[in-house]
Amino acid sequence: MTEVLTKETFLEKVFNYEKNKEWKFEGDLPCIIDFYADWCGPCKAIAPVLEQLSEEYKGKINIYKVDTEKEQELSAAFAIRSIPSMLFCPTDEKPQMAQGALPKQQLEQIIEDVLKVKK
C-alpha cells in the first residue's frame, strides 16, 4: 500500500530539511515519493500503477504520496511545478526527480537504476 505523507511524517521518514541543509535520507528502504493532486488526471492514471509496484516490491522499497494541495510547504521545498512529479530516493545517494505519468516499465527501470533494487 502506498502511504500518504504529511510534512511531519516526511521529515521523519524521508528527509528532515529543517535540521539538515545537505540531503540525508532518514528511511530504511529506498523510496518513491509521488507528488500529486486529486484534480490531476495523469496523477489518477498513475495511482494504480504505483499500488501495483508497492505490492511487487513489498519489503524492498516504500512508495509514498504527497498531496501538493495540502502540503504546499513540502511541494515548495522540492520546487514542484508540474504534477505528477516523482522523487526517487536511494538510501545512500542523492535523490532524482522525474516528471509526468511514466509507464510501469520505465518506473521499473528507474527502480533498478536509481534505487538499485531488483524485483
C-alpha atoms as a PDB file:
ATOM      1  CA  MET A   1       0.000   0.000   0.000  1.00  0.00           C
ATOM      2  CA  THR A   2       1.176   3.484  -0.778  1.00  0.00           C
ATOM      3  CA  GLU A   3       1.190   5.808   2.223  1.00  0.00           C
ATOM      4  CA  VAL A   4       0.226   9.483   2.166  1.00  0.00           C
ATOM      5  CA  LEU A   5       2.803  11.636   3.954  1.00  0.00           C
ATOM      6  CA  THR A   6       2.270  14.859   5.850  1.00  0.00           C
ATOM      7  CA  LYS A   7       5.134  17.266   6.446  1.00  0.00           C
ATOM      8  CA  GLU A   8       5.742  15.651   9.868  1.00  0.00           C
ATOM      9  CA  THR A   9       5.936  12.086   8.542  1.00  0.00           C
ATOM     10  CA  PHE A  10       8.044  13.271   5.578  1.00  0.00           C
ATOM     11  CA  LEU A  11      10.631  14.832   7.910  1.00  0.00           C
ATOM     12  CA  GLU A  12      10.756  11.598   9.913  1.00  0.00           C
ATOM     13  CA  LYS A  13      10.746   9.004   7.098  1.00  0.00           C
ATOM     14  CA  VAL A  14      12.425  10.744   4.178  1.00  0.00           C
ATOM     15  CA  PHE A  15      14.436  13.920   4.773  1.00  0.00           C
ATOM     16  CA  ASN A  16      14.439  16.388   7.640  1.00  0.00           C
ATOM     17  CA  TYR A  17      15.182  19.557   5.660  1.00  0.00           C
ATOM     18  CA  GLU A  18      14.600  21.689   8.748  1.00  0.00           C
ATOM     19  CA  LYS A  19      17.520  20.022  10.525  1.00  0.00           C
ATOM     20  CA  ASN A  20      19.879  19.221   7.619  1.00  0.00           C
ATOM     21  CA  LYS A  21      20.996  21.507   4.797  1.00  0.00           C
ATOM     22  CA  GLU A  22      22.563  18.616   2.884  1.00  0.00           C
ATOM     23  CA  TRP A  23      20.416  15.702   1.731  1.00  0.00           C
ATOM     24  CA  LYS A  24      20.293  12.975   4.388  1.00  0.00           C
ATOM     25  CA  PHE A  25      17.886  10.117   3.817  1.00  0.00           C
ATOM     26  CA  GLU A  26      16.062   9.083   7.004  1.00  0.00           C
ATOM     27  CA  GLY A  27      14.395   5.889   5.762  1.00  0.00           C
ATOM     28  CA  ASP A  28      15.436   2.236   5.966  1.00  0.00           C
ATOM     29  CA  LEU A  29      14.298   1.317   2.455  1.00  0.00           C
ATOM     30  CA  PRO A  30      14.716   3.256  -0.794  1.00  0.00           C
ATOM     31  CA  CYS A  31      11.513   5.074  -1.679  1.00  0.00           C
ATOM     32  CA  ILE A  32       9.492   6.793  -4.352  1.00  0.00           C
ATOM     33  CA  ILE A  33       7.525   9.903  -3.438  1.00  0.00           C
ATOM     34  CA  ASP A  34       4.644  10.756  -5.727  1.00  0.00           C
ATOM     35  CA  PHE A  35       3.701  14.437  -5.593  1.00  0.00           C
ATOM     36  CA  TYR A  36       0.065  14.559  -6.750  1.00  0.00           C
ATOM     37  CA  ALA A  37      -3.260  16.381  -6.519  1.00  0.00           C
ATOM     38  CA  ASP A  38      -6.789  14.975  -6.502  1.00  0.00           C
ATOM     39  CA  TRP A  39      -7.827  17.066  -9.515  1.00  0.00           C
ATOM     40  CA  CYS A  40      -4.916  15.891 -11.687  1.00  0.00           C
ATOM     41  CA  GLY A  41      -5.879  13.380 -14.409  1.00  0.00           C
ATOM     42  CA  PRO A  42      -2.387  11.926 -15.041  1.00  0.00           C
ATOM     43  CA  CYS A  43      -1.958  11.548 -11.244  1.00  0.00           C
ATOM     44  CA  LYS A  44      -5.122   9.430 -11.116  1.00  0.00           C
ATOM     45  CA  ALA A  45      -3.881   7.374 -14.063  1.00  0.00           C
ATOM     46  CA  ILE A  46      -0.579   6.526 -12.386  1.00  0.00           C
ATOM     47  CA  ALA A  47      -2.043   5.753  -8.927  1.00  0.00           C
ATOM     48  CA  PRO A  48      -2.975   2.097  -9.702  1.00  0.00           C
ATOM     49  CA  VAL A  49       0.476   1.517 -11.246  1.00  0.00           C
ATOM     50  CA  LEU A  50       2.131   2.758  -8.039  1.00  0.00           C
ATOM     51  CA  GLU A  51      -0.151   0.485  -5.978  1.00  0.00           C
ATOM     52  CA  GLN A  52       0.942  -2.480  -8.150  1.00  0.00           C
ATOM     53  CA  LEU A  53       4.605  -1.574  -7.734  1.00  0.00           C
ATOM     54  CA  SER A  54       4.193  -1.242  -3.962  1.00  0.00           C
ATOM     55  CA  GLU A  55       2.884  -4.842  -3.899  1.00  0.00           C
ATOM     56  CA  GLU A  56       5.529  -6.189  -6.297  1.00  0.00           C
ATOM     57  CA  TYR A  57       8.412  -4.559  -4.402  1.00  0.00           C
ATOM     58  CA  LYS A  58       6.972  -5.084  -0.910  1.00  0.00           C
ATOM     59  CA  GLY A  59       9.745  -5.117   1.696  1.00  0.00           C
ATOM     60  CA  LYS A  60      12.250  -3.717  -0.837  1.00  0.00           C
ATOM     61  CA  ILE A  61      11.021  -0.142  -1.400  1.00  0.00           C
ATOM     62  CA  ASN A  62       8.431   2.193   0.086  1.00  0.00           C
ATOM     63  CA  ILE A  63       6.088   4.239  -2.059  1.00  0.00           C
ATOM     64  CA  TYR A  64       4.749   7.440  -0.550  1.00  0.00           C
ATOM     65  CA  LYS A  65       2.355  10.091  -1.825  1.00  0.00           C
ATOM     66  CA  VAL A  66       2.322  13.802  -1.039  1.00  0.00           C
ATOM     67  CA  ASP A  67      -0.844  15.805  -1.723  1.00  0.00           C
ATOM     68  CA  THR A  68       0.530  19.042  -3.185  1.00  0.00           C
ATOM     69  CA  GLU A  69      -2.662  20.926  -2.266  1.00  0.00           C
ATOM     70  CA  LYS A  70      -2.441  20.045   1.434  1.00  0.00           C
ATOM     71  CA  GLU A  71       1.354  20.055   1.737  1.00  0.00           C
ATOM     72  CA  GLN A  72       2.318  23.256  -0.054  1.00  0.00           C
ATOM     73  CA  GLU A  73       5.457  23.772   2.011  1.00  0.00           C
ATOM     74  CA  LEU A  74       6.778  20.320   1.038  1.00  0.00           C
ATOM     75  CA  SER A  75       5.984  20.986  -2.615  1.00  0.00           C
ATOM     76  CA  ALA A  76       7.808  24.316  -2.418  1.00  0.00           C
ATOM     77  CA  ALA A  77      10.803  22.714  -0.680  1.00  0.00           C
ATOM     78  CA  PHE A  78      11.219  20.426  -3.706  1.00  0.00           C
ATOM     79  CA  ALA A  79      10.273  23.081  -6.280  1.00  0.00           C
ATOM     80  CA  ILE A  80       7.362  21.015  -7.611  1.00  0.00           C
ATOM     81  CA  ARG A  81       5.932  22.928 -10.563  1.00  0.00           C
ATOM     82  CA  SER A  82       4.176  20.206 -12.510  1.00  0.00           C
ATOM     83  CA  ILE A  83       2.442  17.076 -11.317  1.00  0.00           C
ATOM     84  CA  PRO A  84       2.732  14.195 -11.176  1.00  0.00           C
ATOM     85  CA  SER A  85       6.361  14.530 -10.114  1.00  0.00           C
ATOM     86  CA  MET A  86       8.173  11.629  -8.526  1.00  0.00           C
ATOM     87  CA  LEU A  87      11.187  11.779  -6.291  1.00  0.00           C
ATOM     88  CA  PHE A  88      13.273   8.595  -6.315  1.00  0.00           C
ATOM     89  CA  CYS A  89      15.297   8.310  -3.099  1.00  0.00           C
ATOM     90  CA  PRO A  90      18.046   5.704  -2.888  1.00  0.00           C
ATOM     91  CA  THR A  91      19.300   5.042   0.644  1.00  0.00           C
ATOM     92  CA  ASP A  92      22.850   6.315   0.121  1.00  0.00           C
ATOM     93  CA  GLU A  93      22.825   8.692  -2.856  1.00  0.00           C
ATOM     94  CA  LYS A  94      21.130  11.950  -3.798  1.00  0.00           C
ATOM     95  CA  PRO A  95      17.503  11.655  -4.937  1.00  0.00           C
ATOM     96  CA  GLN A  96      16.420  12.088  -8.537  1.00  0.00           C
ATOM     97  CA  MET A  97      13.230  13.716  -9.781  1.00  0.00           C
ATOM     98  CA  ALA A  98      11.129  12.510 -12.709  1.00  0.00           C
ATOM     99  CA  GLN A  99       8.081  14.309 -14.077  1.00  0.00           C
ATOM    100  CA  GLY A 100       4.931  13.059 -15.743  1.00  0.00           C
ATOM    101  CA  ALA A 101       2.903   9.853 -15.585  1.00  0.00           C
ATOM    102  CA  LEU A 102       5.611   7.395 -16.557  1.00  0.00           C
ATOM    103  CA  PRO A 103       4.713   3.929 -17.847  1.00  0.00           C
ATOM    104  CA  LYS A 104       5.224   0.996 -15.471  1.00  0.00           C
ATOM    105  CA  GLN A 105       8.163  -0.384 -17.449  1.00  0.00           C
ATOM    106  CA  GLN A 106      10.019   2.928 -17.196  1.00  0.00           C
ATOM    107  CA  LEU A 107       9.311   3.126 -13.454  1.00  0.00           C
ATOM    108  CA  GLU A 108      10.730  -0.401 -13.016  1.00  0.00           C
ATOM    109  CA  GLN A 109      13.846   0.661 -14.923  1.00  0.00           C
ATOM    110  CA  ILE A 110      14.306   3.694 -12.642  1.00  0.00           C
ATOM    111  CA  ILE A 111      13.769   1.492  -9.562  1.00  0.00           C
ATOM    112  CA  GLU A 112      16.571  -0.748 -10.820  1.00  0.00           C
ATOM    113  CA  ASP A 113      18.943   2.027 -11.988  1.00  0.00           C
ATOM    114  CA  VAL A 114      18.417   4.733  -9.362  1.00  0.00           C
ATOM    115  CA  LEU A 115      17.180   2.804  -6.314  1.00  0.00           C
ATOM    116  CA  LYS A 116      19.406  -0.221  -7.113  1.00  0.00           C
ATOM    117  CA  VAL A 117      16.541  -2.623  -6.386  1.00  0.00           C
ATOM    118  CA  LYS A 118      15.645  -5.685  -8.418  1.00  0.00           C
ATOM    119  CA  LYS A 119      12.322  -7.492  -8.226  1.00  0.00           C
END
